[in-house]
Amino acid sequence: MSEALARDPRRVERLFDHYAIAHRHPVNKAIHWICVPLIMWSVVAALWAWTPVAAVTLVVLALGFYVVLSLPLAIGMMGVTAMMLAPLPWIAPRPLLIAALVVFVGAWIGQFVGHHVEGRRPAFLEDVTYFLVGPAWLLADLYRRLGVRY
């Protein structure tokens, strides 16, 4: 992680504020609540089907990003990813990969429908960091609703 990111505790709020600009329409937000976790699961599952080491490596790197942004968010994301990883060892690689690919394509179609309704381009087209910001943005919204500080 960059030193600039580590020195800036408001970075997470700025990232969330920028992400929120393209996610204001209620239909788009609802679609994101479904599709962002599905995309996250599908990426982890596809990597697991290829080699579990790749999936775990990706998760560890992503968690490192979240730790730098916010420890409470990192803890929540650790729980989310643990739930996503838990069933994967019990599924044969080939069916897992097929399921992951189908979910990935379907969820991205949903995302682009949501952004069409929104009338704005997805944030990740500006900066790939937003692939990691999206799941944390949803978790932060849940935290706010529950009164949890992040």
N, C-alpha and C. Protein backbone atom coordinates (compact mmCIF):
# COMPACT_ATOMS: atom_id res chain seq x y z
N MET A 1 0.83 -1.17 0.00
CA MET A 1 0.00 0.00 0.00
C MET A 1 0.88 1.24 0.00
N SER A 2 0.38 2.30 -0.61
CA SER A 2 1.18 3.51 -0.69
C SER A 2 1.20 4.24 0.65
N GLU A 3 2.27 5.00 0.89
CA GLU A 3 2.36 5.78 2.12
C GLU A 3 1.29 6.84 2.16
N ALA A 4 0.96 7.41 1.01
CA ALA A 4 -0.08 8.44 0.97
C ALA A 4 -1.41 7.90 1.45
N LEU A 5 -1.73 6.69 1.07
CA LEU A 5 -2.97 6.06 1.51
C LEU A 5 -2.93 5.82 3.01
N ALA A 6 -1.82 5.35 3.52
CA ALA A 6 -1.69 5.05 4.94
C ALA A 6 -1.78 6.32 5.78
N ARG A 7 -1.33 7.46 5.27
CA ARG A 7 -1.33 8.71 6.03
C ARG A 7 -2.67 9.41 6.01
N ASP A 8 -3.63 8.98 5.20
CA ASP A 8 -4.86 9.72 4.97
C ASP A 8 -6.08 8.98 5.48
N PRO A 9 -6.50 9.22 6.73
CA PRO A 9 -7.65 8.50 7.28
C PRO A 9 -8.97 8.85 6.59
N ARG A 10 -9.05 9.97 5.87
CA ARG A 10 -10.29 10.34 5.17
C ARG A 10 -10.39 9.72 3.78
N ARG A 11 -9.38 8.99 3.39
CA ARG A 11 -9.36 8.38 2.05
C ARG A 11 -10.59 7.49 1.82
N VAL A 12 -10.97 6.72 2.82
CA VAL A 12 -12.11 5.82 2.65
C VAL A 12 -13.38 6.62 2.38
N GLU A 13 -13.59 7.72 3.07
CA GLU A 13 -14.78 8.54 2.84
C GLU A 13 -14.76 9.16 1.45
N ARG A 14 -13.61 9.62 1.01
CA ARG A 14 -13.51 10.20 -0.33
C ARG A 14 -13.80 9.14 -1.40
N LEU A 15 -13.28 7.94 -1.21
CA LEU A 15 -13.55 6.85 -2.15
C LEU A 15 -15.05 6.53 -2.18
N PHE A 16 -15.66 6.43 -1.00
CA PHE A 16 -17.09 6.12 -0.93
C PHE A 16 -17.93 7.25 -1.52
N ASP A 17 -17.56 8.50 -1.25
CA ASP A 17 -18.31 9.63 -1.81
C ASP A 17 -18.24 9.62 -3.34
N HIS A 18 -17.07 9.36 -3.87
CA HIS A 18 -16.92 9.31 -5.33
C HIS A 18 -17.69 8.12 -5.91
N TYR A 19 -17.62 6.98 -5.25
CA TYR A 19 -18.35 5.80 -5.71
C TYR A 19 -19.86 6.07 -5.70
N ALA A 20 -20.32 6.76 -4.67
CA ALA A 20 -21.76 7.02 -4.50
C ALA A 20 -22.33 7.87 -5.62
N ILE A 21 -21.51 8.71 -6.24
CA ILE A 21 -21.99 9.57 -7.32
C ILE A 21 -22.63 8.76 -8.44
N ALA A 22 -22.08 7.59 -8.74
CA ALA A 22 -22.60 6.75 -9.82
C ALA A 22 -23.56 5.68 -9.30
N HIS A 23 -24.00 5.83 -8.05
CA HIS A 23 -24.87 4.81 -7.45
C HIS A 23 -25.95 5.46 -6.59
N ARG A 24 -26.71 6.35 -7.19
CA ARG A 24 -27.75 7.08 -6.45
C ARG A 24 -29.16 6.55 -6.74
N HIS A 25 -29.36 6.06 -7.94
CA HIS A 25 -30.70 5.60 -8.34
C HIS A 25 -31.05 4.35 -7.52
N PRO A 26 -32.26 4.30 -6.95
CA PRO A 26 -32.63 3.14 -6.11
C PRO A 26 -32.56 1.80 -6.84
N VAL A 27 -32.88 1.77 -8.13
CA VAL A 27 -32.81 0.52 -8.89
C VAL A 27 -31.35 0.08 -9.02
N ASN A 28 -30.48 1.01 -9.35
CA ASN A 28 -29.06 0.69 -9.48
C ASN A 28 -28.50 0.23 -8.15
N LYS A 29 -28.86 0.90 -7.07
CA LYS A 29 -28.37 0.49 -5.74
C LYS A 29 -28.85 -0.93 -5.41
N ALA A 30 -30.11 -1.21 -5.69
CA ALA A 30 -30.65 -2.55 -5.40
C ALA A 30 -29.92 -3.61 -6.23
N ILE A 31 -29.68 -3.30 -7.49
CA ILE A 31 -28.95 -4.24 -8.34
C ILE A 31 -27.55 -4.46 -7.79
N HIS A 32 -26.91 -3.41 -7.31
CA HIS A 32 -25.56 -3.55 -6.76
C HIS A 32 -25.55 -4.41 -5.50
N TRP A 33 -26.59 -4.31 -4.68
CA TRP A 33 -26.66 -5.14 -3.47
C TRP A 33 -26.69 -6.63 -3.83
N ILE A 34 -27.19 -6.94 -5.00
CA ILE A 34 -27.23 -8.33 -5.45
C ILE A 34 -25.96 -8.68 -6.24
N CYS A 35 -25.63 -7.85 -7.21
CA CYS A 35 -24.59 -8.21 -8.17
C CYS A 35 -23.16 -8.06 -7.66
N VAL A 36 -22.89 -7.07 -6.83
CA VAL A 36 -21.51 -6.90 -6.33
C VAL A 36 -21.07 -8.13 -5.53
N PRO A 37 -21.86 -8.61 -4.57
CA PRO A 37 -21.44 -9.84 -3.87
C PRO A 37 -21.33 -11.04 -4.82
N LEU A 38 -22.23 -11.13 -5.80
CA LEU A 38 -22.15 -12.25 -6.74
C LEU A 38 -20.87 -12.18 -7.58
N ILE A 39 -20.49 -10.99 -8.01
CA ILE A 39 -19.24 -10.85 -8.77
C ILE A 39 -18.06 -11.20 -7.88
N MET A 40 -18.09 -10.71 -6.66
CA MET A 40 -17.01 -11.02 -5.72
C MET A 40 -16.89 -12.54 -5.53
N TRP A 41 -18.03 -13.20 -5.29
CA TRP A 41 -18.01 -14.65 -5.11
C TRP A 41 -17.51 -15.34 -6.37
N SER A 42 -17.98 -14.89 -7.53
CA SER A 42 -17.61 -15.58 -8.77
C SER A 42 -16.12 -15.49 -9.06
N VAL A 43 -15.51 -14.36 -8.74
CA VAL A 43 -14.06 -14.22 -8.96
C VAL A 43 -13.30 -15.15 -8.02
N VAL A 44 -13.69 -15.12 -6.76
CA VAL A 44 -13.01 -15.99 -5.77
C VAL A 44 -13.23 -17.47 -6.14
N ALA A 45 -14.45 -17.81 -6.52
CA ALA A 45 -14.77 -19.21 -6.86
C ALA A 45 -14.02 -19.67 -8.10
N ALA A 46 -13.95 -18.82 -9.12
CA ALA A 46 -13.22 -19.20 -10.34
C ALA A 46 -11.74 -19.41 -10.04
N LEU A 47 -11.17 -18.53 -9.24
CA LEU A 47 -9.76 -18.71 -8.87
C LEU A 47 -9.58 -19.97 -8.04
N TRP A 48 -10.52 -20.23 -7.13
CA TRP A 48 -10.44 -21.45 -6.31
C TRP A 48 -10.49 -22.69 -7.20
N ALA A 49 -11.37 -22.67 -8.21
CA ALA A 49 -11.47 -23.81 -9.11
C ALA A 49 -10.16 -24.02 -9.87
N TRP A 50 -9.48 -22.93 -10.19
CA TRP A 50 -8.19 -23.03 -10.88
C TRP A 50 -7.13 -23.51 -9.91
N THR A 51 -6.97 -22.79 -8.80
CA THR A 51 -6.06 -23.19 -7.73
C THR A 51 -6.42 -22.42 -6.47
N PRO A 52 -6.67 -23.09 -5.38
CA PRO A 52 -7.03 -22.41 -4.14
C PRO A 52 -6.00 -21.36 -3.70
N VAL A 53 -4.74 -21.60 -4.01
CA VAL A 53 -3.70 -20.64 -3.62
C VAL A 53 -3.97 -19.27 -4.25
N ALA A 54 -4.41 -19.25 -5.51
CA ALA A 54 -4.70 -17.99 -6.18
C ALA A 54 -5.85 -17.26 -5.49
N ALA A 55 -6.88 -18.01 -5.13
CA ALA A 55 -8.04 -17.39 -4.46
C ALA A 55 -7.65 -16.81 -3.12
N VAL A 56 -6.90 -17.57 -2.34
CA VAL A 56 -6.49 -17.11 -1.01
C VAL A 56 -5.55 -15.91 -1.14
N THR A 57 -4.67 -15.94 -2.12
CA THR A 57 -3.75 -14.81 -2.34
C THR A 57 -4.53 -13.54 -2.66
N LEU A 58 -5.52 -13.65 -3.55
CA LEU A 58 -6.34 -12.49 -3.89
C LEU A 58 -7.07 -11.96 -2.65
N VAL A 59 -7.63 -12.85 -1.87
CA VAL A 59 -8.36 -12.45 -0.67
C VAL A 59 -7.42 -11.74 0.31
N VAL A 60 -6.24 -12.28 0.52
CA VAL A 60 -5.28 -11.66 1.44
C VAL A 60 -4.88 -10.27 0.96
N LEU A 61 -4.62 -10.13 -0.33
CA LEU A 61 -4.26 -8.82 -0.88
C LEU A 61 -5.41 -7.83 -0.73
N ALA A 62 -6.62 -8.27 -1.02
CA ALA A 62 -7.78 -7.39 -0.87
C ALA A 62 -7.97 -6.99 0.59
N LEU A 63 -7.80 -7.94 1.50
CA LEU A 63 -7.94 -7.62 2.92
C LEU A 63 -6.87 -6.62 3.37
N GLY A 64 -5.68 -6.71 2.79
CA GLY A 64 -4.64 -5.72 3.08
C GLY A 64 -5.09 -4.33 2.68
N PHE A 65 -5.71 -4.22 1.52
CA PHE A 65 -6.25 -2.93 1.06
C PHE A 65 -7.30 -2.42 2.05
N TYR A 66 -8.19 -3.31 2.50
CA TYR A 66 -9.24 -2.90 3.43
C TYR A 66 -8.67 -2.51 4.79
N VAL A 67 -7.62 -3.19 5.25
CA VAL A 67 -6.99 -2.83 6.53
C VAL A 67 -6.47 -1.40 6.48
N VAL A 68 -5.86 -1.05 5.35
CA VAL A 68 -5.33 0.31 5.21
C VAL A 68 -6.47 1.34 5.23
N LEU A 69 -7.60 0.99 4.62
CA LEU A 69 -8.74 1.92 4.59
C LEU A 69 -9.43 2.03 5.95
N SER A 70 -9.71 0.88 6.57
CA SER A 70 -10.50 0.89 7.80
C SER A 70 -10.45 -0.50 8.43
N LEU A 71 -9.98 -0.59 9.65
CA LEU A 71 -9.92 -1.88 10.33
C LEU A 71 -11.31 -2.50 10.52
N PRO A 72 -12.32 -1.73 10.95
CA PRO A 72 -13.66 -2.35 11.06
C PRO A 72 -14.19 -2.88 9.73
N LEU A 73 -13.94 -2.16 8.64
CA LEU A 73 -14.37 -2.66 7.33
C LEU A 73 -13.58 -3.91 6.95
N ALA A 74 -12.29 -3.92 7.27
CA ALA A 74 -11.46 -5.10 6.96
C ALA A 74 -11.97 -6.32 7.71
N ILE A 75 -12.34 -6.14 8.96
CA ILE A 75 -12.86 -7.26 9.75
C ILE A 75 -14.17 -7.78 9.14
N GLY A 76 -15.04 -6.85 8.74
CA GLY A 76 -16.29 -7.25 8.10
C GLY A 76 -16.06 -7.96 6.78
N MET A 77 -15.13 -7.43 5.98
CA MET A 77 -14.83 -8.06 4.70
C MET A 77 -14.18 -9.43 4.90
N MET A 78 -13.42 -9.58 5.99
CA MET A 78 -12.85 -10.89 6.29
C MET A 78 -13.98 -11.90 6.55
N GLY A 79 -14.99 -11.48 7.28
CA GLY A 79 -16.13 -12.35 7.52
C GLY A 79 -16.88 -12.70 6.25
N VAL A 80 -17.09 -11.71 5.41
CA VAL A 80 -17.80 -11.92 4.14
C VAL A 80 -17.02 -12.90 3.27
N THR A 81 -15.72 -12.68 3.12
CA THR A 81 -14.94 -13.56 2.26
C THR A 81 -14.80 -14.96 2.86
N ALA A 82 -14.75 -15.05 4.18
CA ALA A 82 -14.71 -16.38 4.81
C ALA A 82 -15.97 -17.17 4.47
N MET A 83 -17.12 -16.49 4.50
CA MET A 83 -18.37 -17.18 4.15
C MET A 83 -18.38 -17.59 2.68
N MET A 84 -17.76 -16.77 1.84
CA MET A 84 -17.70 -17.12 0.42
C MET A 84 -16.75 -18.28 0.16
N LEU A 85 -15.66 -18.33 0.91
CA LEU A 85 -14.66 -19.39 0.72
C LEU A 85 -15.09 -20.72 1.33
N ALA A 86 -15.82 -20.69 2.43
CA ALA A 86 -16.12 -21.89 3.21
C ALA A 86 -16.67 -23.07 2.40
N PRO A 87 -17.64 -22.88 1.52
CA PRO A 87 -18.18 -24.05 0.81
C PRO A 87 -17.34 -24.51 -0.38
N LEU A 88 -16.39 -23.69 -0.82
CA LEU A 88 -15.68 -23.99 -2.07
C LEU A 88 -14.90 -25.31 -2.06
N PRO A 89 -14.27 -25.70 -0.95
CA PRO A 89 -13.54 -26.98 -0.98
C PRO A 89 -14.45 -28.20 -1.22
N TRP A 90 -15.73 -28.04 -1.02
CA TRP A 90 -16.66 -29.16 -1.14
C TRP A 90 -17.27 -29.28 -2.52
N ILE A 91 -16.88 -28.37 -3.43
CA ILE A 91 -17.44 -28.37 -4.78
C ILE A 91 -16.32 -28.74 -5.76
N ALA A 92 -16.60 -29.67 -6.64
CA ALA A 92 -15.61 -30.10 -7.63
C ALA A 92 -15.22 -28.91 -8.52
N PRO A 93 -13.95 -28.85 -8.92
CA PRO A 93 -13.47 -27.69 -9.68
C PRO A 93 -14.25 -27.37 -10.96
N ARG A 94 -14.55 -28.38 -11.77
CA ARG A 94 -15.21 -28.09 -13.05
C ARG A 94 -16.60 -27.48 -12.85
N PRO A 95 -17.49 -28.08 -12.05
CA PRO A 95 -18.80 -27.44 -11.85
C PRO A 95 -18.68 -26.07 -11.16
N LEU A 96 -17.69 -25.93 -10.28
CA LEU A 96 -17.48 -24.65 -9.61
C LEU A 96 -17.09 -23.58 -10.62
N LEU A 97 -16.19 -23.91 -11.52
CA LEU A 97 -15.76 -22.96 -12.53
C LEU A 97 -16.91 -22.57 -13.45
N ILE A 98 -17.70 -23.54 -13.86
CA ILE A 98 -18.85 -23.26 -14.72
C ILE A 98 -19.85 -22.35 -14.00
N ALA A 99 -20.14 -22.68 -12.75
CA ALA A 99 -21.07 -21.84 -11.97
C ALA A 99 -20.51 -20.44 -11.80
N ALA A 100 -19.23 -20.34 -11.51
CA ALA A 100 -18.61 -19.03 -11.32
C ALA A 100 -18.69 -18.19 -12.58
N LEU A 101 -18.44 -18.81 -13.74
CA LEU A 101 -18.50 -18.07 -15.00
C LEU A 101 -19.92 -17.61 -15.32
N VAL A 102 -20.89 -18.48 -15.09
CA VAL A 102 -22.29 -18.11 -15.35
C VAL A 102 -22.71 -16.97 -14.42
N VAL A 103 -22.38 -17.07 -13.14
CA VAL A 103 -22.72 -16.02 -12.18
C VAL A 103 -22.02 -14.72 -12.54
N PHE A 104 -20.74 -14.81 -12.91
CA PHE A 104 -19.97 -13.62 -13.28
C PHE A 104 -20.62 -12.87 -14.44
N VAL A 105 -20.94 -13.60 -15.50
CA VAL A 105 -21.55 -12.97 -16.68
C VAL A 105 -22.92 -12.39 -16.33
N GLY A 106 -23.73 -13.17 -15.64
CA GLY A 106 -25.06 -12.68 -15.27
C GLY A 106 -25.02 -11.46 -14.36
N ALA A 107 -24.11 -11.47 -13.41
CA ALA A 107 -24.01 -10.35 -12.48
C ALA A 107 -23.51 -9.09 -13.19
N TRP A 108 -22.59 -9.25 -14.15
CA TRP A 108 -22.11 -8.08 -14.88
C TRP A 108 -23.20 -7.53 -15.80
N ILE A 109 -24.01 -8.40 -16.35
CA ILE A 109 -25.15 -7.90 -17.13
C ILE A 109 -26.05 -7.06 -16.22
N GLY A 110 -26.30 -7.58 -15.02
CA GLY A 110 -27.09 -6.82 -14.05
C GLY A 110 -26.46 -5.48 -13.72
N GLN A 111 -25.16 -5.46 -13.51
CA GLN A 111 -24.47 -4.21 -13.18
C GLN A 111 -24.64 -3.18 -14.30
N PHE A 112 -24.48 -3.62 -15.54
CA PHE A 112 -24.59 -2.68 -16.65
C PHE A 112 -26.03 -2.22 -16.86
N VAL A 113 -27.00 -3.07 -16.56
CA VAL A 113 -28.40 -2.64 -16.58
C VAL A 113 -28.59 -1.55 -15.52
N GLY A 114 -28.07 -1.78 -14.33
CA GLY A 114 -28.17 -0.78 -13.26
C GLY A 114 -27.54 0.55 -13.65
N HIS A 115 -26.39 0.49 -14.26
CA HIS A 115 -25.73 1.74 -14.67
C HIS A 115 -26.44 2.40 -15.85
N HIS A 116 -27.10 1.61 -16.67
CA HIS A 116 -27.93 2.20 -17.73
C HIS A 116 -29.09 2.97 -17.10
N VAL A 117 -29.74 2.37 -16.12
CA VAL A 117 -30.83 3.04 -15.41
C VAL A 117 -30.30 4.30 -14.72
N GLU A 118 -29.14 4.18 -14.12
CA GLU A 118 -28.50 5.30 -13.41
C GLU A 118 -28.13 6.43 -14.37
N GLY A 119 -27.73 6.04 -15.58
CA GLY A 119 -27.29 7.04 -16.54
C GLY A 119 -25.84 7.46 -16.35
N ARG A 120 -25.09 6.63 -15.64
CA ARG A 120 -23.67 6.92 -15.38
C ARG A 120 -22.85 5.67 -15.62
N ARG A 121 -21.60 5.91 -15.98
CA ARG A 121 -20.66 4.79 -16.19
C ARG A 121 -20.24 4.21 -14.84
N PRO A 122 -19.89 2.92 -14.82
CA PRO A 122 -19.37 2.32 -13.58
C PRO A 122 -18.07 3.01 -13.15
N ALA A 123 -17.89 3.16 -11.84
CA ALA A 123 -16.73 3.85 -11.29
C ALA A 123 -15.42 3.15 -11.67
N PHE A 124 -15.44 1.83 -11.80
CA PHE A 124 -14.20 1.10 -12.08
C PHE A 124 -13.62 1.45 -13.45
N LEU A 125 -14.43 2.04 -14.33
CA LEU A 125 -13.91 2.45 -15.63
C LEU A 125 -12.93 3.62 -15.49
N GLU A 126 -13.04 4.35 -14.37
CA GLU A 126 -12.10 5.44 -14.08
C GLU A 126 -10.86 4.93 -13.34
N ASP A 127 -11.08 3.97 -12.45
CA ASP A 127 -10.00 3.50 -11.58
C ASP A 127 -10.35 2.08 -11.11
N VAL A 128 -9.49 1.12 -11.39
CA VAL A 128 -9.78 -0.28 -11.03
C VAL A 128 -9.86 -0.49 -9.52
N THR A 129 -9.38 0.47 -8.74
CA THR A 129 -9.51 0.38 -7.28
C THR A 129 -10.97 0.19 -6.88
N TYR A 130 -11.88 0.71 -7.69
CA TYR A 130 -13.30 0.64 -7.35
C TYR A 130 -13.86 -0.78 -7.41
N PHE A 131 -13.12 -1.72 -7.98
CA PHE A 131 -13.51 -3.12 -7.86
C PHE A 131 -13.49 -3.55 -6.40
N LEU A 132 -12.56 -3.01 -5.63
CA LEU A 132 -12.48 -3.31 -4.21
C LEU A 132 -13.34 -2.37 -3.37
N VAL A 133 -13.54 -1.17 -3.86
CA VAL A 133 -14.33 -0.19 -3.12
C VAL A 133 -15.80 -0.60 -3.09
N GLY A 134 -16.32 -1.14 -4.19
CA GLY A 134 -17.74 -1.51 -4.27
C GLY A 134 -18.21 -2.40 -3.13
N PRO A 135 -17.56 -3.53 -2.88
CA PRO A 135 -18.00 -4.37 -1.76
C PRO A 135 -17.90 -3.66 -0.41
N ALA A 136 -16.83 -2.88 -0.22
CA ALA A 136 -16.67 -2.16 1.06
C ALA A 136 -17.72 -1.07 1.20
N TRP A 137 -18.12 -0.44 0.10
CA TRP A 137 -19.16 0.59 0.12
C TRP A 137 -20.49 -0.01 0.59
N LEU A 138 -20.79 -1.20 0.10
CA LEU A 138 -22.01 -1.88 0.55
C LEU A 138 -21.92 -2.22 2.03
N LEU A 139 -20.77 -2.73 2.47
CA LEU A 139 -20.61 -3.07 3.88
C LEU A 139 -20.69 -1.81 4.74
N ALA A 140 -20.10 -0.71 4.29
CA ALA A 140 -20.16 0.55 5.03
C ALA A 140 -21.61 1.02 5.16
N ASP A 141 -22.41 0.83 4.10
CA ASP A 141 -23.82 1.19 4.17
C ASP A 141 -24.53 0.35 5.23
N LEU A 142 -24.24 -0.93 5.26
CA LEU A 142 -24.81 -1.80 6.29
C LEU A 142 -24.36 -1.35 7.68
N TYR A 143 -23.08 -1.05 7.83
CA TYR A 143 -22.56 -0.56 9.11
C TYR A 143 -23.32 0.70 9.54
N ARG A 144 -23.53 1.65 8.62
CA ARG A 144 -24.24 2.88 8.97
C ARG A 144 -25.65 2.58 9.45
N ARG A 145 -26.32 1.67 8.78
CA ARG A 145 -27.69 1.30 9.17
C ARG A 145 -27.74 0.66 10.55
N LEU A 146 -26.66 -0.06 10.90
CA LEU A 146 -26.59 -0.74 12.19
C LEU A 146 -25.95 0.13 13.29
N GLY A 147 -25.50 1.32 12.90
CA GLY A 147 -24.85 2.20 13.85
C GLY A 147 -23.43 1.82 14.20
N VAL A 148 -22.77 1.08 13.30
CA VAL A 148 -21.39 0.66 13.52
C VAL A 148 -20.46 1.67 12.87
N ARG A 149 -19.48 2.16 13.60
CA ARG A 149 -18.50 3.10 13.05
C ARG A 149 -17.44 2.35 12.28
N TYR A 150 -17.02 2.93 11.19
CA TYR A 150 -15.96 2.31 10.39
C TYR A 150 -14.86 3.30 10.14
